[in-house]
Each structure stands twice: as C-alpha cells, then as structure tokens.
Amino acid sequence: MAALNGVHGGMQGGRSCWIVEGTLCSGKKSRPFKERFHSCSYCDFYRMVMQEEGAAFVLSSVLRSRVEIRTDAEQDKYSMRIAA
C-alpha cells in the first residue's frame, strides 16, 4: 500500500500490517481494522515494531488517516475519469 510506504522502515505497509486490510494474520486473511486491532495489539510482530521504533513509532490513528486520505483521493481520481 503506497500510502504506508516507508512507515517504520517497511515497504508497501509491511511494517504496519495491522492497518492494511486483507493482510495475513496467523495464515488467515485479516478482518477489517476496526474488528481486529485489539488482537493486533497483542501480536508479537506489532510489539517488536513498536519496541524497535521507540519514540518514532507512528500511532495507528495517524496511519489510518493516511490510508483514508489516500483512498479518498484515489476514489476522487477514479470518479473524475468516469465522469469525463
């Protein structure tokens, strides 16, 4: 996911997977963010990233806003193409 590229040193949201819907969690496709974040906060990977990043750790609310803004902008661009 381009909106999360570089976050926590990862590519395409790879080190912020708890934000990206449809990522794999324990070998299964993840549920939407609102339904799963509580369980993600107990994930070993999430905790490792949080510890490694320390004060530079980007909060989930900030990351969600990046994804939502990007998604809205992409939707607007798509709608403008259809209207043309």
PDB file of N, CA and C in Angstrom:
ATOM      1  N   MET A   1       0.854  -1.165   0.000  1.00  0.00           N
ATOM      2  CA  MET A   1       0.000   0.000   0.000  1.00  0.00           C
ATOM      3  C   MET A   1       0.902   1.232   0.000  1.00  0.00           C
ATOM      4  N   ALA A   2       0.816   1.995  -1.056  1.00  0.00           N
ATOM      5  CA  ALA A   2       1.713   3.138  -1.267  1.00  0.00           C
ATOM      6  C   ALA A   2       1.617   4.191  -0.165  1.00  0.00           C
ATOM      7  N   ALA A   3       0.439   4.383   0.391  1.00  0.00           N
ATOM      8  CA  ALA A   3       0.274   5.415   1.430  1.00  0.00           C
ATOM      9  C   ALA A   3       1.095   5.100   2.676  1.00  0.00           C
ATOM     10  N   LEU A   4       1.475   3.848   2.850  1.00  0.00           N
ATOM     11  CA  LEU A   4       2.245   3.438   4.034  1.00  0.00           C
ATOM     12  C   LEU A   4       3.682   3.065   3.684  1.00  0.00           C
ATOM     13  N   ASN A   5       4.099   3.350   2.456  1.00  0.00           N
ATOM     14  CA  ASN A   5       5.449   3.042   2.027  1.00  0.00           C
ATOM     15  C   ASN A   5       6.457   3.794   2.889  1.00  0.00           C
ATOM     16  N   GLY A   6       7.414   3.075   3.453  1.00  0.00           N
ATOM     17  CA  GLY A   6       8.442   3.683   4.279  1.00  0.00           C
ATOM     18  C   GLY A   6       8.110   3.787   5.758  1.00  0.00           C
ATOM     19  N   VAL A   7       6.867   3.553   6.136  1.00  0.00           N
ATOM     20  CA  VAL A   7       6.481   3.642   7.548  1.00  0.00           C
ATOM     21  C   VAL A   7       7.201   2.558   8.330  1.00  0.00           C
ATOM     22  N   HIS A   8       7.834   2.945   9.390  1.00  0.00           N
ATOM     23  CA  HIS A   8       8.608   2.039  10.247  1.00  0.00           C
ATOM     24  C   HIS A   8       9.685   1.303   9.461  1.00  0.00           C
ATOM     25  N   GLY A   9      10.132   1.885   8.356  1.00  0.00           N
ATOM     26  CA  GLY A   9      11.186   1.290   7.541  1.00  0.00           C
ATOM     27  C   GLY A   9      10.712   0.175   6.632  1.00  0.00           C
ATOM     28  N   GLY A  10       9.420   0.013   6.464  1.00  0.00           N
ATOM     29  CA  GLY A  10       8.881  -1.067   5.631  1.00  0.00           C
ATOM     30  C   GLY A  10       8.449  -0.585   4.259  1.00  0.00           C
ATOM     31  N   MET A  11       8.168  -1.517   3.400  1.00  0.00           N
ATOM     32  CA  MET A  11       7.696  -1.223   2.048  1.00  0.00           C
ATOM     33  C   MET A  11       6.233  -1.651   1.908  1.00  0.00           C
ATOM     34  N   GLN A  12       5.444  -0.812   1.260  1.00  0.00           N
ATOM     35  CA  GLN A  12       4.044  -1.124   0.970  1.00  0.00           C
ATOM     36  C   GLN A  12       3.238  -1.484   2.215  1.00  0.00           C
ATOM     37  N   GLY A  13       3.572  -0.873   3.332  1.00  0.00           N
ATOM     38  CA  GLY A  13       2.831  -1.119   4.567  1.00  0.00           C
ATOM     39  C   GLY A  13       3.260  -2.356   5.315  1.00  0.00           C
ATOM     40  N   GLY A  14       4.379  -2.957   4.917  1.00  0.00           N
ATOM     41  CA  GLY A  14       4.823  -4.214   5.510  1.00  0.00           C
ATOM     42  C   GLY A  14       5.174  -4.154   6.988  1.00  0.00           C
ATOM     43  N   ARG A  15       5.519  -2.969   7.497  1.00  0.00           N
ATOM     44  CA  ARG A  15       5.799  -2.857   8.934  1.00  0.00           C
ATOM     45  C   ARG A  15       4.714  -2.039   9.627  1.00  0.00           C
ATOM     46  N   SER A  16       3.538  -2.077   9.027  1.00  0.00           N
ATOM     47  CA  SER A  16       2.332  -1.512   9.638  1.00  0.00           C
ATOM     48  C   SER A  16       1.137  -2.338   9.164  1.00  0.00           C
ATOM     49  N   CYS A  17       1.326  -3.652   9.118  1.00  0.00           N
ATOM     50  CA  CYS A  17       0.319  -4.561   8.576  1.00  0.00           C
ATOM     51  C   CYS A  17      -1.002  -4.513   9.329  1.00  0.00           C
ATOM     52  N   TRP A  18      -0.972  -4.085  10.581  1.00  0.00           N
ATOM     53  CA  TRP A  18      -2.204  -4.016  11.372  1.00  0.00           C
ATOM     54  C   TRP A  18      -3.162  -2.968  10.823  1.00  0.00           C
ATOM     55  N   ILE A  19      -2.680  -2.084   9.972  1.00  0.00           N
ATOM     56  CA  ILE A  19      -3.518  -1.058   9.350  1.00  0.00           C
ATOM     57  C   ILE A  19      -4.094  -1.555   8.025  1.00  0.00           C
ATOM     58  N   VAL A  20      -3.370  -2.421   7.336  1.00  0.00           N
ATOM     59  CA  VAL A  20      -3.722  -2.848   5.983  1.00  0.00           C
ATOM     60  C   VAL A  20      -4.730  -3.986   6.027  1.00  0.00           C
ATOM     61  N   GLU A  21      -5.912  -3.730   5.492  1.00  0.00           N
ATOM     62  CA  GLU A  21      -6.945  -4.766   5.458  1.00  0.00           C
ATOM     63  C   GLU A  21      -6.584  -5.823   4.431  1.00  0.00           C
ATOM     64  N   GLY A  22      -6.869  -7.064   4.757  1.00  0.00           N
ATOM     65  CA  GLY A  22      -6.622  -8.173   3.855  1.00  0.00           C
ATOM     66  C   GLY A  22      -5.251  -8.804   4.000  1.00  0.00           C
ATOM     67  N   THR A  23      -4.428  -8.300   4.932  1.00  0.00           N
ATOM     68  CA  THR A  23      -3.128  -8.929   5.156  1.00  0.00           C
ATOM     69  C   THR A  23      -3.337 -10.251   5.885  1.00  0.00           C
ATOM     70  N   LEU A  24      -2.329 -11.081   5.866  1.00  0.00           N
ATOM     71  CA  LEU A  24      -2.436 -12.371   6.532  1.00  0.00           C
ATOM     72  C   LEU A  24      -2.080 -12.252   8.003  1.00  0.00           C
ATOM     73  N   CYS A  25      -2.866 -12.906   8.812  1.00  0.00           N
ATOM     74  CA  CYS A  25      -2.651 -12.934  10.248  1.00  0.00           C
ATOM     75  C   CYS A  25      -2.820 -14.385  10.682  1.00  0.00           C
ATOM     76  N   SER A  26      -1.765 -14.985  11.163  1.00  0.00           N
ATOM     77  CA  SER A  26      -1.782 -16.408  11.527  1.00  0.00           C
ATOM     78  C   SER A  26      -2.248 -17.271  10.357  1.00  0.00           C
ATOM     79  N   GLY A  27      -1.843 -16.882   9.143  1.00  0.00           N
ATOM     80  CA  GLY A  27      -2.169 -17.649   7.949  1.00  0.00           C
ATOM     81  C   GLY A  27      -3.561 -17.424   7.389  1.00  0.00           C
ATOM     82  N   LYS A  28      -4.322 -16.539   8.001  1.00  0.00           N
ATOM     83  CA  LYS A  28      -5.691 -16.257   7.537  1.00  0.00           C
ATOM     84  C   LYS A  28      -5.797 -14.798   7.130  1.00  0.00           C
ATOM     85  N   LYS A  29      -6.681 -14.525   6.155  1.00  0.00           N
ATOM     86  CA  LYS A  29      -6.927 -13.152   5.734  1.00  0.00           C
ATOM     87  C   LYS A  29      -7.536 -12.380   6.905  1.00  0.00           C
ATOM     88  N   SER A  30      -6.978 -11.209   7.172  1.00  0.00           N
ATOM     89  CA  SER A  30      -7.417 -10.441   8.340  1.00  0.00           C
ATOM     90  C   SER A  30      -8.786  -9.799   8.146  1.00  0.00           C
ATOM     91  N   ARG A  31      -9.416  -9.540   9.254  1.00  0.00           N
ATOM     92  CA  ARG A  31     -10.706  -8.847   9.278  1.00  0.00           C
ATOM     93  C   ARG A  31     -10.456  -7.347   9.124  1.00  0.00           C
ATOM     94  N   PRO A  32     -11.498  -6.558   8.918  1.00  0.00           N
ATOM     95  CA  PRO A  32     -11.323  -5.099   8.862  1.00  0.00           C
ATOM     96  C   PRO A  32     -10.679  -4.561  10.136  1.00  0.00           C
ATOM     97  N   PHE A  33      -9.955  -3.467  10.020  1.00  0.00           N
ATOM     98  CA  PHE A  33      -9.179  -2.879  11.102  1.00  0.00           C
ATOM     99  C   PHE A  33      -9.979  -2.728  12.395  1.00  0.00           C
ATOM    100  N   LYS A  34     -11.166  -2.181  12.301  1.00  0.00           N
ATOM    101  CA  LYS A  34     -11.969  -1.918  13.498  1.00  0.00           C
ATOM    102  C   LYS A  34     -12.278  -3.199  14.271  1.00  0.00           C
ATOM    103  N   GLU A  35     -12.366  -4.315  13.559  1.00  0.00           N
ATOM    104  CA  GLU A  35     -12.703  -5.592  14.193  1.00  0.00           C
ATOM    105  C   GLU A  35     -11.489  -6.316  14.763  1.00  0.00           C
ATOM    106  N   ARG A  36     -10.290  -5.956  14.316  1.00  0.00           N
ATOM    107  CA  ARG A  36      -9.138  -6.754  14.706  1.00  0.00           C
ATOM    108  C   ARG A  36      -8.037  -6.020  15.440  1.00  0.00           C
ATOM    109  N   PHE A  37      -8.079  -4.702  15.510  1.00  0.00           N
ATOM    110  CA  PHE A  37      -6.934  -4.001  16.086  1.00  0.00           C
ATOM    111  C   PHE A  37      -6.618  -4.461  17.498  1.00  0.00           C
ATOM    112  N   HIS A  38      -7.634  -4.714  18.286  1.00  0.00           N
ATOM    113  CA  HIS A  38      -7.373  -5.157  19.658  1.00  0.00           C
ATOM    114  C   HIS A  38      -6.492  -6.405  19.659  1.00  0.00           C
ATOM    115  N   SER A  39      -6.800  -7.366  18.800  1.00  0.00           N
ATOM    116  CA  SER A  39      -5.970  -8.579  18.761  1.00  0.00           C
ATOM    117  C   SER A  39      -4.600  -8.290  18.156  1.00  0.00           C
ATOM    118  N   CYS A  40      -4.504  -7.351  17.217  1.00  0.00           N
ATOM    119  CA  CYS A  40      -3.203  -6.990  16.640  1.00  0.00           C
ATOM    120  C   CYS A  40      -2.276  -6.409  17.703  1.00  0.00           C
ATOM    121  N   SER A  41      -2.840  -5.716  18.660  1.00  0.00           N
ATOM    122  CA  SER A  41      -2.002  -5.103  19.689  1.00  0.00           C
ATOM    123  C   SER A  41      -1.306  -6.146  20.573  1.00  0.00           C
ATOM    124  N   TYR A  42      -1.735  -7.405  20.488  1.00  0.00           N
ATOM    125  CA  TYR A  42      -1.089  -8.494  21.217  1.00  0.00           C
ATOM    126  C   TYR A  42      -0.127  -9.299  20.333  1.00  0.00           C
ATOM    127  N   CYS A  43      -0.074  -8.948  19.061  1.00  0.00           N
ATOM    128  CA  CYS A  43       0.755  -9.678  18.094  1.00  0.00           C
ATOM    129  C   CYS A  43       2.245  -9.447  18.371  1.00  0.00           C
ATOM    130  N   ASP A  44       3.041 -10.507  18.289  1.00  0.00           N
ATOM    131  CA  ASP A  44       4.483 -10.398  18.520  1.00  0.00           C
ATOM    132  C   ASP A  44       5.141  -9.437  17.528  1.00  0.00           C
ATOM    133  N   PHE A  45       4.707  -9.479  16.267  1.00  0.00           N
ATOM    134  CA  PHE A  45       5.299  -8.598  15.258  1.00  0.00           C
ATOM    135  C   PHE A  45       4.993  -7.136  15.572  1.00  0.00           C
ATOM    136  N   TYR A  46       3.746  -6.844  15.900  1.00  0.00           N
ATOM    137  CA  TYR A  46       3.343  -5.486  16.267  1.00  0.00           C
ATOM    138  C   TYR A  46       4.194  -4.980  17.430  1.00  0.00           C
ATOM    139  N   ARG A  47       4.333  -5.798  18.440  1.00  0.00           N
ATOM    140  CA  ARG A  47       5.110  -5.409  19.630  1.00  0.00           C
ATOM    141  C   ARG A  47       6.590  -5.218  19.301  1.00  0.00           C
ATOM    142  N   MET A  48       7.118  -6.044  18.399  1.00  0.00           N
ATOM    143  CA  MET A  48       8.514  -5.916  18.000  1.00  0.00           C
ATOM    144  C   MET A  48       8.733  -4.584  17.274  1.00  0.00           C
ATOM    145  N   VAL A  49       7.828  -4.265  16.327  1.00  0.00           N
ATOM    146  CA  VAL A  49       7.949  -2.997  15.588  1.00  0.00           C
ATOM    147  C   VAL A  49       7.846  -1.830  16.560  1.00  0.00           C
ATOM    148  N   MET A  50       6.913  -1.903  17.468  1.00  0.00           N
ATOM    149  CA  MET A  50       6.733  -0.835  18.447  1.00  0.00           C
ATOM    150  C   MET A  50       8.004  -0.648  19.282  1.00  0.00           C
ATOM    151  N   GLN A  51       8.597  -1.720  19.713  1.00  0.00           N
ATOM    152  CA  GLN A  51       9.816  -1.648  20.516  1.00  0.00           C
ATOM    153  C   GLN A  51      10.985  -1.119  19.687  1.00  0.00           C
ATOM    154  N   GLU A  52      11.144  -1.614  18.466  1.00  0.00           N
ATOM    155  CA  GLU A  52      12.249  -1.174  17.614  1.00  0.00           C
ATOM    156  C   GLU A  52      12.145   0.310  17.262  1.00  0.00           C
ATOM    157  N   GLU A  53      10.940   0.770  17.016  1.00  0.00           N
ATOM    158  CA  GLU A  53      10.745   2.158  16.602  1.00  0.00           C
ATOM    159  C   GLU A  53      10.823   3.128  17.777  1.00  0.00           C
ATOM    160  N   GLY A  54      10.456   2.677  18.953  1.00  0.00           N
ATOM    161  CA  GLY A  54      10.509   3.548  20.128  1.00  0.00           C
ATOM    162  C   GLY A  54       9.690   4.818  19.930  1.00  0.00           C
ATOM    163  N   ALA A  55      10.300   5.962  20.163  1.00  0.00           N
ATOM    164  CA  ALA A  55       9.604   7.253  20.042  1.00  0.00           C
ATOM    165  C   ALA A  55       9.185   7.559  18.608  1.00  0.00           C
ATOM    166  N   ALA A  56       9.790   6.892  17.628  1.00  0.00           N
ATOM    167  CA  ALA A  56       9.444   7.135  16.218  1.00  0.00           C
ATOM    168  C   ALA A  56       8.241   6.299  15.765  1.00  0.00           C
ATOM    169  N   PHE A  57       7.713   5.455  16.654  1.00  0.00           N
ATOM    170  CA  PHE A  57       6.561   4.623  16.306  1.00  0.00           C
ATOM    171  C   PHE A  57       5.385   5.518  15.939  1.00  0.00           C
ATOM    172  N   VAL A  58       4.800   5.266  14.765  1.00  0.00           N
ATOM    173  CA  VAL A  58       3.663   6.065  14.286  1.00  0.00           C
ATOM    174  C   VAL A  58       2.381   5.403  14.757  1.00  0.00           C
ATOM    175  N   LEU A  59       1.572   6.159  15.482  1.00  0.00           N
ATOM    176  CA  LEU A  59       0.329   5.631  16.044  1.00  0.00           C
ATOM    177  C   LEU A  59      -0.640   5.184  14.955  1.00  0.00           C
ATOM    178  N   SER A  60      -1.429   4.196  15.274  1.00  0.00           N
ATOM    179  CA  SER A  60      -2.392   3.641  14.324  1.00  0.00           C
ATOM    180  C   SER A  60      -3.386   4.679  13.833  1.00  0.00           C
ATOM    181  N   SER A  61      -3.790   5.597  14.681  1.00  0.00           N
ATOM    182  CA  SER A  61      -4.751   6.626  14.253  1.00  0.00           C
ATOM    183  C   SER A  61      -4.148   7.502  13.160  1.00  0.00           C
ATOM    184  N   VAL A  62      -2.862   7.792  13.255  1.00  0.00           N
ATOM    185  CA  VAL A  62      -2.183   8.588  12.220  1.00  0.00           C
ATOM    186  C   VAL A  62      -2.085   7.786  10.928  1.00  0.00           C
ATOM    187  N   LEU A  63      -1.725   6.514  11.054  1.00  0.00           N
ATOM    188  CA  LEU A  63      -1.608   5.665   9.870  1.00  0.00           C
ATOM    189  C   LEU A  63      -2.959   5.476   9.193  1.00  0.00           C
ATOM    190  N   ARG A  64      -4.006   5.286   9.977  1.00  0.00           N
ATOM    191  CA  ARG A  64      -5.353   5.131   9.398  1.00  0.00           C
ATOM    192  C   ARG A  64      -5.750   6.373   8.625  1.00  0.00           C
ATOM    193  N   SER A  65      -5.425   7.548   9.158  1.00  0.00           N
ATOM    194  CA  SER A  65      -5.789   8.772   8.447  1.00  0.00           C
ATOM    195  C   SER A  65      -5.033   8.870   7.127  1.00  0.00           C
ATOM    196  N   ARG A  66      -3.792   8.412   7.078  1.00  0.00           N
ATOM    197  CA  ARG A  66      -3.038   8.407   5.811  1.00  0.00           C
ATOM    198  C   ARG A  66      -3.708   7.503   4.793  1.00  0.00           C
ATOM    199  N   VAL A  67      -4.124   6.336   5.238  1.00  0.00           N
ATOM    200  CA  VAL A  67      -4.772   5.377   4.345  1.00  0.00           C
ATOM    201  C   VAL A  67      -6.113   5.918   3.879  1.00  0.00           C
ATOM    202  N   GLU A  68      -6.899   6.481   4.777  1.00  0.00           N
ATOM    203  CA  GLU A  68      -8.220   7.001   4.418  1.00  0.00           C
ATOM    204  C   GLU A  68      -8.100   8.184   3.480  1.00  0.00           C
ATOM    205  N   ILE A  69      -7.145   9.080   3.714  1.00  0.00           N
ATOM    206  CA  ILE A  69      -6.950  10.228   2.829  1.00  0.00           C
ATOM    207  C   ILE A  69      -6.546   9.737   1.454  1.00  0.00           C
ATOM    208  N   ARG A  70      -5.628   8.804   1.396  1.00  0.00           N
ATOM    209  CA  ARG A  70      -5.162   8.255   0.124  1.00  0.00           C
ATOM    210  C   ARG A  70      -6.312   7.577  -0.603  1.00  0.00           C
ATOM    211  N   THR A  71      -7.086   6.779   0.109  1.00  0.00           N
ATOM    212  CA  THR A  71      -8.209   6.082  -0.501  1.00  0.00           C
ATOM    213  C   THR A  71      -9.222   7.077  -1.056  1.00  0.00           C
ATOM    214  N   ASP A  72      -9.535   8.135  -0.308  1.00  0.00           N
ATOM    215  CA  ASP A  72     -10.468   9.152  -0.786  1.00  0.00           C
ATOM    216  C   ASP A  72      -9.937   9.844  -2.029  1.00  0.00           C
ATOM    217  N   ALA A  73      -8.647  10.169  -2.040  1.00  0.00           N
ATOM    218  CA  ALA A  73      -8.048  10.834  -3.198  1.00  0.00           C
ATOM    219  C   ALA A  73      -8.084   9.918  -4.415  1.00  0.00           C
ATOM    220  N   GLU A  74      -7.787   8.631  -4.228  1.00  0.00           N
ATOM    221  CA  GLU A  74      -7.841   7.685  -5.330  1.00  0.00           C
ATOM    222  C   GLU A  74      -9.264   7.546  -5.848  1.00  0.00           C
ATOM    223  N   GLN A  75     -10.232   7.518  -4.939  1.00  0.00           N
ATOM    224  CA  GLN A  75     -11.630   7.414  -5.344  1.00  0.00           C
ATOM    225  C   GLN A  75     -12.044   8.642  -6.139  1.00  0.00           C
ATOM    226  N   ASP A  76     -11.634   9.837  -5.701  1.00  0.00           N
ATOM    227  CA  ASP A  76     -11.958  11.062  -6.424  1.00  0.00           C
ATOM    228  C   ASP A  76     -11.373  11.035  -7.826  1.00  0.00           C
ATOM    229  N   LYS A  77     -10.118  10.570  -7.952  1.00  0.00           N
ATOM    230  CA  LYS A  77      -9.474  10.498  -9.254  1.00  0.00           C
ATOM    231  C   LYS A  77     -10.223   9.532 -10.156  1.00  0.00           C
ATOM    232  N   TYR A  78     -10.641   8.386  -9.604  1.00  0.00           N
ATOM    233  CA  TYR A  78     -11.379   7.389 -10.350  1.00  0.00           C
ATOM    234  C   TYR A  78     -12.737   7.959 -10.805  1.00  0.00           C
ATOM    235  N   SER A  79     -13.419   8.658  -9.914  1.00  0.00           N
ATOM    236  CA  SER A  79     -14.713   9.248 -10.253  1.00  0.00           C
ATOM    237  C   SER A  79     -14.585  10.294 -11.344  1.00  0.00           C
ATOM    238  N   MET A  80     -13.506  11.069 -11.306  1.00  0.00           N
ATOM    239  CA  MET A  80     -13.300  12.096 -12.323  1.00  0.00           C
ATOM    240  C   MET A  80     -13.073  11.452 -13.687  1.00  0.00           C
ATOM    241  N   ARG A  81     -12.386  10.312 -13.749  1.00  0.00           N
ATOM    242  CA  ARG A  81     -12.161   9.617 -15.012  1.00  0.00           C
ATOM    243  C   ARG A  81     -13.481   9.100 -15.586  1.00  0.00           C
ATOM    244  N   ILE A  82     -14.340   8.593 -14.720  1.00  0.00           N
ATOM    245  CA  ILE A  82     -15.627   8.052 -15.196  1.00  0.00           C
ATOM    246  C   ILE A  82     -16.503   9.186 -15.728  1.00  0.00           C
ATOM    247  N   ALA A  83     -16.487  10.333 -15.039  1.00  0.00           N
ATOM    248  CA  ALA A  83     -17.329  11.462 -15.435  1.00  0.00           C
ATOM    249  C   ALA A  83     -16.875  12.081 -16.761  1.00  0.00           C
ATOM    250  N   ALA A  84     -15.618  11.955 -17.095  1.00  0.00           N
ATOM    251  CA  ALA A  84     -15.066  12.581 -18.308  1.00  0.00           C
ATOM    252  C   ALA A  84     -15.526  11.903 -19.576  1.00  0.00           C
TER     253      ALA A  84
END
